[in-house]
Amino acid sequence: MSNLISNHSQAEYISVGSNSTELNPHVSASIILPLNKDNPYLEAAILSILHQDHHELELIIVVDGSTPAFAEALCQRIRDARVRVIYTHLLGLPFSLNLGLVHCKAEIVFRMDGDDISETNRISRMLRYFADHPETTVLSTRFRVIDEEGQEHGLSKHNGRSPAQVKQYLACRCILGHPTIAFRKAAVIAAGGYAYGSFSEDYDLWLRLRRKPEVVFATLDEPLLRYRVHSLQASSNLNASKILAYDLALKIRELLFTRDPLFLVGVCFALLEYVYKKIKNDT
């Protein structure tokens, strides 16, 4: 585990809860929420976790690129023993996710962003799925798309395919909504966690897990998260071309590494999409 975060000593632990990193049977869900600044949606995001109908959880907020004072202020605002705030001056979402991961007390780890809203039954429903399907490694759900005002603008596509089909589709595109994800901590740590220096840290992780025959991906045909679309998010149009380029590079890597012909199809689709986006942006 120590290899996953080689610079974890660069973090300061600011918390109203326990800083223990041991697995705790009384904490059945760990939620990682990375932050690099405050935003007007943060309080609603945090409360959507703390108001879950499942209470045996911990919320780990990893603050990077801001100031220790902001992390301290978060603890003052929240006042909940289930919350731990970790501050690090080391930048980058993958590092923050890995730092949070190695401090999770539960076997099942959930992703959360500071601008989305989890439905009240999200944790309980997904935990029940893991209990009923112990072979499952990574689980995603559908989500409702909301705007800056919280108004709903649609529902994500249903990706309720079989585990084998999910692996096939991952060769062409990332069909797992990262903010909806829950996974088994041990499996992700064994795979090396999130990779640094990528806009597509989630897709990269799924593709590395995909190589392992024992890894099972599953999807739920239920919208358990409200995903907020706004101009400040990392996946905005400003970064769309960079994300497409990273995704293309990942498919090429997997084609060379696995020799799976499905990735050749994925590379062709990614090239076409990248060229289309470039032409559209230049006109």
C-alpha atoms as a PDB file:
ATOM      1  CA  MET A   1       0.000   0.000   0.000  1.00  0.00           C
ATOM      2  CA  SER A   2       2.838   2.400   0.752  1.00  0.00           C
ATOM      3  CA  ASN A   3       3.984   2.209  -2.892  1.00  0.00           C
ATOM      4  CA  LEU A   4       0.641   3.617  -4.006  1.00  0.00           C
ATOM      5  CA  ILE A   5       1.319   6.945  -2.279  1.00  0.00           C
ATOM      6  CA  SER A   6       5.049   7.534  -2.219  1.00  0.00           C
ATOM      7  CA  ASN A   7       4.579  11.108  -0.973  1.00  0.00           C
ATOM      8  CA  HIS A   8       1.793  10.609   1.560  1.00  0.00           C
ATOM      9  CA  SER A   9       4.030  12.281   4.134  1.00  0.00           C
ATOM     10  CA  GLN A  10       3.270  15.519   2.286  1.00  0.00           C
ATOM     11  CA  ALA A  11      -0.286  15.457   3.653  1.00  0.00           C
ATOM     12  CA  GLU A  12      -1.672  17.073   6.767  1.00  0.00           C
ATOM     13  CA  TYR A  13      -4.576  15.346   8.483  1.00  0.00           C
ATOM     14  CA  ILE A  14      -7.179  17.798   9.710  1.00  0.00           C
ATOM     15  CA  SER A  15     -10.142  15.949  11.109  1.00  0.00           C
ATOM     16  CA  VAL A  16     -12.938  15.721  13.633  1.00  0.00           C
ATOM     17  CA  GLY A  17     -12.957  11.930  13.187  1.00  0.00           C
ATOM     18  CA  SER A  18     -10.414   9.157  13.670  1.00  0.00           C
ATOM     19  CA  ASN A  19      -7.259   9.178  11.543  1.00  0.00           C
ATOM     20  CA  SER A  20      -6.864   5.410  11.772  1.00  0.00           C
ATOM     21  CA  THR A  21      -6.322   3.727   8.411  1.00  0.00           C
ATOM     22  CA  GLU A  22      -7.245   0.185   9.515  1.00  0.00           C
ATOM     23  CA  LEU A  23     -10.252  -1.533   7.956  1.00  0.00           C
ATOM     24  CA  ASN A  24     -13.183  -1.065  10.313  1.00  0.00           C
ATOM     25  CA  PRO A  25     -16.138  -3.504  10.247  1.00  0.00           C
ATOM     26  CA  HIS A  26     -18.371  -0.748  11.612  1.00  0.00           C
ATOM     27  CA  VAL A  27     -17.642   1.407   8.538  1.00  0.00           C
ATOM     28  CA  SER A  28     -19.093  -0.429   5.564  1.00  0.00           C
ATOM     29  CA  ALA A  29     -18.685   2.411   3.043  1.00  0.00           C
ATOM     30  CA  SER A  30     -15.856   4.869   2.480  1.00  0.00           C
ATOM     31  CA  ILE A  31     -16.529   7.849   0.230  1.00  0.00           C
ATOM     32  CA  ILE A  32     -13.668   9.846  -1.316  1.00  0.00           C
ATOM     33  CA  LEU A  33     -14.413  13.455  -2.265  1.00  0.00           C
ATOM     34  CA  PRO A  34     -11.435  15.321  -3.830  1.00  0.00           C
ATOM     35  CA  LEU A  35     -11.378  19.131  -3.807  1.00  0.00           C
ATOM     36  CA  ASN A  36      -9.037  21.830  -5.052  1.00  0.00           C
ATOM     37  CA  LYS A  37     -11.212  24.818  -4.213  1.00  0.00           C
ATOM     38  CA  ASP A  38     -14.520  25.837  -2.718  1.00  0.00           C
ATOM     39  CA  ASN A  39     -17.590  25.961  -4.930  1.00  0.00           C
ATOM     40  CA  PRO A  40     -21.252  26.942  -4.534  1.00  0.00           C
ATOM     41  CA  TYR A  41     -22.405  23.318  -4.801  1.00  0.00           C
ATOM     42  CA  LEU A  42     -20.121  21.823  -2.149  1.00  0.00           C
ATOM     43  CA  GLU A  43     -22.464  21.973   0.820  1.00  0.00           C
ATOM     44  CA  ALA A  44     -25.241  20.164  -1.053  1.00  0.00           C
ATOM     45  CA  ALA A  45     -22.757  17.491  -2.199  1.00  0.00           C
ATOM     46  CA  ILE A  46     -21.486  16.856   1.343  1.00  0.00           C
ATOM     47  CA  LEU A  47     -24.952  16.826   2.883  1.00  0.00           C
ATOM     48  CA  SER A  48     -26.145  14.330   0.270  1.00  0.00           C
ATOM     49  CA  ILE A  49     -23.597  11.884   1.712  1.00  0.00           C
ATOM     50  CA  LEU A  50     -24.153  12.679   5.383  1.00  0.00           C
ATOM     51  CA  HIS A  51     -27.937  12.349   4.931  1.00  0.00           C
ATOM     52  CA  GLN A  52     -27.790   8.871   3.382  1.00  0.00           C
ATOM     53  CA  ASP A  53     -30.199   6.262   4.717  1.00  0.00           C
ATOM     54  CA  HIS A  54     -27.098   4.141   5.418  1.00  0.00           C
ATOM     55  CA  HIS A  55     -25.191   5.621   8.369  1.00  0.00           C
ATOM     56  CA  GLU A  56     -22.145   3.354   8.805  1.00  0.00           C
ATOM     57  CA  LEU A  57     -19.973   5.379   6.471  1.00  0.00           C
ATOM     58  CA  GLU A  58     -17.039   7.752   6.400  1.00  0.00           C
ATOM     59  CA  LEU A  59     -16.487  10.718   4.118  1.00  0.00           C
ATOM     60  CA  ILE A  60     -12.860  11.438   3.275  1.00  0.00           C
ATOM     61  CA  ILE A  61     -12.380  14.898   1.782  1.00  0.00           C
ATOM     62  CA  VAL A  62      -8.961  15.396   0.169  1.00  0.00           C
ATOM     63  CA  VAL A  63      -8.085  19.058  -0.369  1.00  0.00           C
ATOM     64  CA  ASP A  64      -5.213  19.909  -2.714  1.00  0.00           C
ATOM     65  CA  GLY A  65      -3.997  23.140  -4.208  1.00  0.00           C
ATOM     66  CA  SER A  66      -5.921  25.318  -1.800  1.00  0.00           C
ATOM     67  CA  THR A  67      -4.748  26.286   1.678  1.00  0.00           C
ATOM     68  CA  PRO A  68      -4.704  24.507   5.046  1.00  0.00           C
ATOM     69  CA  ALA A  69      -7.047  27.237   6.301  1.00  0.00           C
ATOM     70  CA  PHE A  70      -9.722  26.133   3.808  1.00  0.00           C
ATOM     71  CA  ALA A  71      -9.398  22.529   5.014  1.00  0.00           C
ATOM     72  CA  GLU A  72      -9.662  23.677   8.628  1.00  0.00           C
ATOM     73  CA  ALA A  73     -12.737  25.731   7.776  1.00  0.00           C
ATOM     74  CA  LEU A  74     -14.387  22.676   6.212  1.00  0.00           C
ATOM     75  CA  CYS A  75     -14.142  20.824   9.525  1.00  0.00           C
ATOM     76  CA  GLN A  76     -15.657  23.788  11.323  1.00  0.00           C
ATOM     77  CA  ARG A  77     -18.527  23.877   8.834  1.00  0.00           C
ATOM     78  CA  ILE A  78     -19.271  20.152   8.866  1.00  0.00           C
ATOM     79  CA  ARG A  79     -18.946  19.100  12.529  1.00  0.00           C
ATOM     80  CA  ASP A  80     -19.570  15.421  11.839  1.00  0.00           C
ATOM     81  CA  ALA A  81     -17.372  12.679  13.294  1.00  0.00           C
ATOM     82  CA  ARG A  82     -17.790  10.596  10.131  1.00  0.00           C
ATOM     83  CA  VAL A  83     -15.819  13.181   8.131  1.00  0.00           C
ATOM     84  CA  ARG A  84     -12.057  13.317   7.746  1.00  0.00           C
ATOM     85  CA  VAL A  85     -10.374  16.156   5.881  1.00  0.00           C
ATOM     86  CA  ILE A  86      -6.903  15.582   4.447  1.00  0.00           C
ATOM     87  CA  TYR A  87      -4.887  18.510   3.129  1.00  0.00           C
ATOM     88  CA  THR A  88      -1.967  18.169   0.729  1.00  0.00           C
ATOM     89  CA  HIS A  89      -0.080  20.820  -1.196  1.00  0.00           C
ATOM     90  CA  LEU A  90       0.693  18.239  -3.900  1.00  0.00           C
ATOM     91  CA  LEU A  91      -1.570  18.879  -6.869  1.00  0.00           C
ATOM     92  CA  GLY A  92      -3.474  16.485  -9.084  1.00  0.00           C
ATOM     93  CA  LEU A  93      -6.709  14.498  -8.954  1.00  0.00           C
ATOM     94  CA  PRO A  94      -5.059  11.040  -9.252  1.00  0.00           C
ATOM     95  CA  PHE A  95      -2.806  11.766  -6.270  1.00  0.00           C
ATOM     96  CA  SER A  96      -5.761  13.000  -4.214  1.00  0.00           C
ATOM     97  CA  LEU A  97      -7.781   9.893  -5.070  1.00  0.00           C
ATOM     98  CA  ASN A  98      -4.911   7.577  -4.151  1.00  0.00           C
ATOM     99  CA  LEU A  99      -4.263   9.483  -0.945  1.00  0.00           C
ATOM    100  CA  GLY A 100      -7.896   9.126   0.025  1.00  0.00           C
ATOM    101  CA  LEU A 101      -7.920   5.473  -1.024  1.00  0.00           C
ATOM    102  CA  VAL A 102      -5.137   4.359   1.299  1.00  0.00           C
ATOM    103  CA  HIS A 103      -6.969   5.965   4.224  1.00  0.00           C
ATOM    104  CA  CYS A 104     -10.314   4.281   3.604  1.00  0.00           C
ATOM    105  CA  LYS A 105     -11.501   2.040   6.449  1.00  0.00           C
ATOM    106  CA  ALA A 106     -14.118   0.136   4.456  1.00  0.00           C
ATOM    107  CA  GLU A 107     -13.748  -2.613   1.879  1.00  0.00           C
ATOM    108  CA  ILE A 108     -16.155  -0.825  -0.493  1.00  0.00           C
ATOM    109  CA  VAL A 109     -15.054   2.623  -1.687  1.00  0.00           C
ATOM    110  CA  PHE A 110     -17.330   5.172  -3.367  1.00  0.00           C
ATOM    111  CA  ARG A 111     -16.436   8.156  -5.549  1.00  0.00           C
ATOM    112  CA  MET A 112     -18.028  11.541  -5.027  1.00  0.00           C
ATOM    113  CA  ASP A 113     -17.408  14.986  -6.493  1.00  0.00           C
ATOM    114  CA  GLY A 114     -17.978  18.320  -4.829  1.00  0.00           C
ATOM    115  CA  ASP A 115     -20.575  19.490  -7.349  1.00  0.00           C
ATOM    116  CA  ASP A 116     -22.811  16.406  -7.619  1.00  0.00           C
ATOM    117  CA  ILE A 117     -25.607  15.065  -5.418  1.00  0.00           C
ATOM    118  CA  SER A 118     -25.988  11.454  -4.281  1.00  0.00           C
ATOM    119  CA  GLU A 119     -29.523  10.150  -3.968  1.00  0.00           C
ATOM    120  CA  THR A 120     -30.460   9.230  -0.391  1.00  0.00           C
ATOM    121  CA  ASN A 121     -30.354   5.478  -1.066  1.00  0.00           C
ATOM    122  CA  ARG A 122     -27.212   5.447  -3.219  1.00  0.00           C
ATOM    123  CA  ILE A 123     -24.888   3.890  -0.621  1.00  0.00           C
ATOM    124  CA  SER A 124     -27.384   1.330   0.701  1.00  0.00           C
ATOM    125  CA  ARG A 125     -28.487   0.231  -2.766  1.00  0.00           C
ATOM    126  CA  MET A 126     -24.958  -0.278  -4.047  1.00  0.00           C
ATOM    127  CA  LEU A 127     -23.804  -2.031  -0.886  1.00  0.00           C
ATOM    128  CA  ARG A 128     -26.751  -4.395  -1.232  1.00  0.00           C
ATOM    129  CA  TYR A 129     -25.664  -5.182  -4.788  1.00  0.00           C
ATOM    130  CA  PHE A 130     -22.118  -5.988  -3.661  1.00  0.00           C
ATOM    131  CA  ALA A 131     -23.505  -8.243  -0.924  1.00  0.00           C
ATOM    132  CA  ASP A 132     -25.781 -10.058  -3.383  1.00  0.00           C
ATOM    133  CA  HIS A 133     -23.014 -10.296  -6.038  1.00  0.00           C
ATOM    134  CA  PRO A 134     -19.744 -10.904  -4.150  1.00  0.00           C
ATOM    135  CA  GLU A 135     -17.899 -11.503  -7.414  1.00  0.00           C
ATOM    136  CA  THR A 136     -18.383  -7.849  -8.445  1.00  0.00           C
ATOM    137  CA  THR A 137     -15.283  -5.635  -8.391  1.00  0.00           C
ATOM    138  CA  VAL A 138     -16.500  -2.339  -9.889  1.00  0.00           C
ATOM    139  CA  LEU A 139     -20.100  -1.114  -9.921  1.00  0.00           C
ATOM    140  CA  SER A 140     -21.552   1.918 -11.699  1.00  0.00           C
ATOM    141  CA  THR A 141     -25.074   3.308 -11.993  1.00  0.00           C
ATOM    142  CA  ARG A 142     -27.078   5.646 -14.164  1.00  0.00           C
ATOM    143  CA  PHE A 143     -27.278   9.338 -13.278  1.00  0.00           C
ATOM    144  CA  ARG A 144     -29.538  12.323 -13.818  1.00  0.00           C
ATOM    145  CA  VAL A 145     -27.963  15.348 -15.502  1.00  0.00           C
ATOM    146  CA  ILE A 146     -28.620  18.655 -13.721  1.00  0.00           C
ATOM    147  CA  ASP A 147     -27.530  22.213 -14.432  1.00  0.00           C
ATOM    148  CA  GLU A 148     -26.078  24.940 -12.215  1.00  0.00           C
ATOM    149  CA  GLU A 149     -29.544  25.629 -10.782  1.00  0.00           C
ATOM    150  CA  GLY A 150     -30.239  21.969 -10.066  1.00  0.00           C
ATOM    151  CA  GLN A 151     -32.749  21.602 -12.899  1.00  0.00           C
ATOM    152  CA  GLU A 152     -32.839  18.170 -14.503  1.00  0.00           C
ATOM    153  CA  HIS A 153     -31.883  17.877 -18.179  1.00  0.00           C
ATOM    154  CA  GLY A 154     -31.985  14.176 -18.869  1.00  0.00           C
ATOM    155  CA  LEU A 155     -30.902  10.730 -17.834  1.00  0.00           C
ATOM    156  CA  SER A 156     -27.728   8.880 -18.735  1.00  0.00           C
ATOM    157  CA  LYS A 157     -27.969   5.876 -21.041  1.00  0.00           C
ATOM    158  CA  HIS A 158     -28.614   2.462 -19.566  1.00  0.00           C
ATOM    159  CA  ASN A 159     -25.374   0.492 -19.481  1.00  0.00           C
ATOM    160  CA  GLY A 160     -26.942  -2.550 -17.843  1.00  0.00           C
ATOM    161  CA  ARG A 161     -25.017  -5.062 -19.877  1.00  0.00           C
ATOM    162  CA  SER A 162     -23.485  -8.303 -18.674  1.00  0.00           C
ATOM    163  CA  PRO A 163     -19.985  -8.169 -17.121  1.00  0.00           C
ATOM    164  CA  ALA A 164     -18.524  -9.674 -20.304  1.00  0.00           C
ATOM    165  CA  GLN A 165     -20.244  -7.028 -22.440  1.00  0.00           C
ATOM    166  CA  VAL A 166     -18.988  -4.216 -20.203  1.00  0.00           C
ATOM    167  CA  LYS A 167     -15.424  -5.407 -20.775  1.00  0.00           C
ATOM    168  CA  GLN A 168     -16.059  -5.491 -24.515  1.00  0.00           C
ATOM    169  CA  TYR A 169     -17.503  -1.983 -24.614  1.00  0.00           C
ATOM    170  CA  LEU A 170     -14.624  -0.608 -22.520  1.00  0.00           C
ATOM    171  CA  ALA A 171     -12.349  -1.298 -25.488  1.00  0.00           C
ATOM    172  CA  CYS A 172     -14.282   1.335 -27.453  1.00  0.00           C
ATOM    173  CA  ARG A 173     -15.161   3.912 -24.821  1.00  0.00           C
ATOM    174  CA  CYS A 174     -15.498   4.512 -21.113  1.00  0.00           C
ATOM    175  CA  ILE A 175     -19.100   3.543 -20.351  1.00  0.00           C
ATOM    176  CA  LEU A 176     -18.719   3.780 -16.554  1.00  0.00           C
ATOM    177  CA  GLY A 177     -19.632   7.162 -15.051  1.00  0.00           C
ATOM    178  CA  HIS A 178     -16.776   7.877 -12.645  1.00  0.00           C
ATOM    179  CA  PRO A 179     -18.825   9.899 -10.101  1.00  0.00           C
ATOM    180  CA  THR A 180     -21.283   6.983  -9.814  1.00  0.00           C
ATOM    181  CA  ILE A 181     -18.617   4.365  -9.130  1.00  0.00           C
ATOM    182  CA  ALA A 182     -18.073   2.079  -6.153  1.00  0.00           C
ATOM    183  CA  PHE A 183     -15.337  -0.563  -6.072  1.00  0.00           C
ATOM    184  CA  ARG A 184     -13.504  -3.030  -3.879  1.00  0.00           C
ATOM    185  CA  LYS A 185     -10.531  -1.289  -2.292  1.00  0.00           C
ATOM    186  CA  ALA A 186      -8.191  -4.291  -2.364  1.00  0.00           C
ATOM    187  CA  ALA A 187      -8.616  -4.845  -6.107  1.00  0.00           C
ATOM    188  CA  VAL A 188      -7.883  -1.225  -7.026  1.00  0.00           C
ATOM    189  CA  ILE A 189      -4.839  -1.059  -4.764  1.00  0.00           C
ATOM    190  CA  ALA A 190      -3.554  -4.346  -6.248  1.00  0.00           C
ATOM    191  CA  ALA A 191      -3.884  -2.765  -9.718  1.00  0.00           C
ATOM    192  CA  GLY A 192      -1.717   0.179  -8.637  1.00  0.00           C
ATOM    193  CA  GLY A 193      -4.473   2.696  -8.025  1.00  0.00           C
ATOM    194  CA  TYR A 194      -4.994   5.744 -10.195  1.00  0.00           C
ATOM    195  CA  ALA A 195      -2.213   6.711 -12.627  1.00  0.00           C
ATOM    196  CA  TYR A 196      -0.696  10.179 -12.509  1.00  0.00           C
ATOM    197  CA  GLY A 197      -0.587  12.736 -15.292  1.00  0.00           C
ATOM    198  CA  SER A 198      -3.817  11.849 -17.056  1.00  0.00           C
ATOM    199  CA  PHE A 199      -7.142  13.537 -17.726  1.00  0.00           C
ATOM    200  CA  SER A 200      -8.605  10.026 -18.000  1.00  0.00           C
ATOM    201  CA  GLU A 201      -7.507   8.580 -14.661  1.00  0.00           C
ATOM    202  CA  ASP A 202     -10.703   6.547 -14.350  1.00  0.00           C
ATOM    203  CA  TYR A 203     -10.605   5.046 -17.854  1.00  0.00           C
ATOM    204  CA  ASP A 204      -6.938   4.192 -17.396  1.00  0.00           C
ATOM    205  CA  LEU A 205      -7.757   2.325 -14.170  1.00  0.00           C
ATOM    206  CA  TRP A 206     -10.675   0.404 -15.707  1.00  0.00           C
ATOM    207  CA  LEU A 207      -8.515  -0.672 -18.643  1.00  0.00           C
ATOM    208  CA  ARG A 208      -5.787  -1.960 -16.338  1.00  0.00           C
ATOM    209  CA  LEU A 209      -8.387  -3.824 -14.277  1.00  0.00           C
ATOM    210  CA  ARG A 210      -9.924  -5.155 -17.494  1.00  0.00           C
ATOM    211  CA  ARG A 211      -6.771  -7.198 -18.132  1.00  0.00           C
ATOM    212  CA  LYS A 212      -7.469  -9.313 -15.046  1.00  0.00           C
ATOM    213  CA  PRO A 213      -9.883 -12.203 -15.725  1.00  0.00           C
ATOM    214  CA  GLU A 214     -11.073 -12.232 -12.114  1.00  0.00           C
ATOM    215  CA  VAL A 215     -12.241  -8.591 -12.233  1.00  0.00           C
ATOM    216  CA  VAL A 216     -15.996  -8.195 -12.757  1.00  0.00           C
ATOM    217  CA  PHE A 217     -17.598  -4.921 -13.872  1.00  0.00           C
ATOM    218  CA  ALA A 218     -21.318  -4.413 -13.256  1.00  0.00           C
ATOM    219  CA  THR A 219     -23.864  -1.673 -13.880  1.00  0.00           C
ATOM    220  CA  LEU A 220     -27.172  -0.787 -12.234  1.00  0.00           C
ATOM    221  CA  ASP A 221     -30.132   0.470 -14.229  1.00  0.00           C
ATOM    222  CA  GLU A 222     -30.956   3.007 -11.520  1.00  0.00           C
ATOM    223  CA  PRO A 223     -30.116   6.730 -11.366  1.00  0.00           C
ATOM    224  CA  LEU A 224     -28.464   7.039  -7.950  1.00  0.00           C
ATOM    225  CA  LEU A 225     -26.582  10.297  -8.562  1.00  0.00           C
ATOM    226  CA  ARG A 226     -27.347  13.745  -9.911  1.00  0.00           C
ATOM    227  CA  TYR A 227     -24.437  14.807 -12.103  1.00  0.00           C
ATOM    228  CA  ARG A 228     -24.039  18.565 -12.385  1.00  0.00           C
ATOM    229  CA  VAL A 229     -22.896  20.085 -15.681  1.00  0.00           C
ATOM    230  CA  HIS A 230     -21.331  23.529 -15.414  1.00  0.00           C
ATOM    231  CA  SER A 231     -18.566  25.623 -16.986  1.00  0.00           C
ATOM    232  CA  LEU A 232     -15.994  25.121 -14.198  1.00  0.00           C
ATOM    233  CA  GLN A 233     -15.745  21.329 -14.235  1.00  0.00           C
ATOM    234  CA  ALA A 234     -12.640  19.502 -15.459  1.00  0.00           C
ATOM    235  CA  SER A 235     -14.551  17.710 -18.240  1.00  0.00           C
ATOM    236  CA  SER A 236     -15.803  20.970 -19.764  1.00  0.00           C
ATOM    237  CA  ASN A 237     -15.356  21.789 -23.459  1.00  0.00           C
ATOM    238  CA  LEU A 238     -12.019  23.434 -22.648  1.00  0.00           C
ATOM    239  CA  ASN A 239     -10.533  20.024 -21.873  1.00  0.00           C
ATOM    240  CA  ALA A 240     -12.566  17.906 -24.301  1.00  0.00           C
ATOM    241  CA  SER A 241      -9.780  17.602 -26.906  1.00  0.00           C
ATOM    242  CA  LYS A 242      -7.196  16.698 -24.252  1.00  0.00           C
ATOM    243  CA  ILE A 243      -9.462  14.022 -22.825  1.00  0.00           C
ATOM    244  CA  LEU A 244     -10.042  12.558 -26.303  1.00  0.00           C
ATOM    245  CA  ALA A 245      -6.286  12.507 -26.931  1.00  0.00           C
ATOM    246  CA  TYR A 246      -5.639  10.704 -23.633  1.00  0.00           C
ATOM    247  CA  ASP A 247      -8.388   8.184 -24.362  1.00  0.00           C
ATOM    248  CA  LEU A 248      -6.903   7.494 -27.806  1.00  0.00           C
ATOM    249  CA  ALA A 249      -3.455   6.962 -26.289  1.00  0.00           C
ATOM    250  CA  LEU A 250      -4.907   4.548 -23.723  1.00  0.00           C
ATOM    251  CA  LYS A 251      -6.583   2.463 -26.426  1.00  0.00           C
ATOM    252  CA  ILE A 252      -3.347   2.302 -28.419  1.00  0.00           C
ATOM    253  CA  ARG A 253      -1.502   1.211 -25.273  1.00  0.00           C
ATOM    254  CA  GLU A 254      -4.010  -1.549 -24.583  1.00  0.00           C
ATOM    255  CA  LEU A 255      -3.941  -2.706 -28.218  1.00  0.00           C
ATOM    256  CA  LEU A 256      -0.169  -3.099 -28.034  1.00  0.00           C
ATOM    257  CA  PHE A 257      -0.227  -4.611 -24.559  1.00  0.00           C
ATOM    258  CA  THR A 258      -3.123  -7.067 -24.847  1.00  0.00           C
ATOM    259  CA  ARG A 259      -3.269  -7.707 -28.628  1.00  0.00           C
ATOM    260  CA  ASP A 260      -7.051  -7.614 -28.240  1.00  0.00           C
ATOM    261  CA  PRO A 261      -8.525  -6.718 -31.677  1.00  0.00           C
ATOM    262  CA  LEU A 262     -11.429  -4.933 -29.973  1.00  0.00           C
ATOM    263  CA  PHE A 263      -9.018  -2.115 -29.203  1.00  0.00           C
ATOM    264  CA  LEU A 264      -8.332  -1.677 -32.903  1.00  0.00           C
ATOM    265  CA  VAL A 265     -12.010  -0.834 -33.297  1.00  0.00           C
ATOM    266  CA  GLY A 266     -11.730   1.481 -30.306  1.00  0.00           C
ATOM    267  CA  VAL A 267      -8.709   3.251 -31.790  1.00  0.00           C
ATOM    268  CA  CYS A 268     -10.534   3.827 -35.088  1.00  0.00           C
ATOM    269  CA  PHE A 269     -13.579   5.277 -33.352  1.00  0.00           C
ATOM    270  CA  ALA A 270     -11.401   7.471 -31.126  1.00  0.00           C
ATOM    271  CA  LEU A 271      -9.451   8.803 -34.117  1.00  0.00           C
ATOM    272  CA  LEU A 272     -12.632   9.686 -35.954  1.00  0.00           C
ATOM    273  CA  GLU A 273     -14.081  11.411 -32.904  1.00  0.00           C
ATOM    274  CA  TYR A 274     -10.861  13.340 -32.271  1.00  0.00           C
ATOM    275  CA  VAL A 275     -10.636  14.568 -35.870  1.00  0.00           C
ATOM    276  CA  TYR A 276     -14.319  15.536 -35.840  1.00  0.00           C
ATOM    277  CA  LYS A 277     -13.909  17.537 -32.621  1.00  0.00           C
ATOM    278  CA  LYS A 278     -10.794  19.296 -33.931  1.00  0.00           C
ATOM    279  CA  ILE A 279     -12.530  20.282 -37.185  1.00  0.00           C
ATOM    280  CA  LYS A 280     -15.625  21.432 -35.292  1.00  0.00           C
ATOM    281  CA  ASN A 281     -13.582  23.538 -32.861  1.00  0.00           C
ATOM    282  CA  ASP A 282     -11.505  25.106 -35.647  1.00  0.00           C
ATOM    283  CA  THR A 283     -14.538  26.182 -37.695  1.00  0.00           C
END
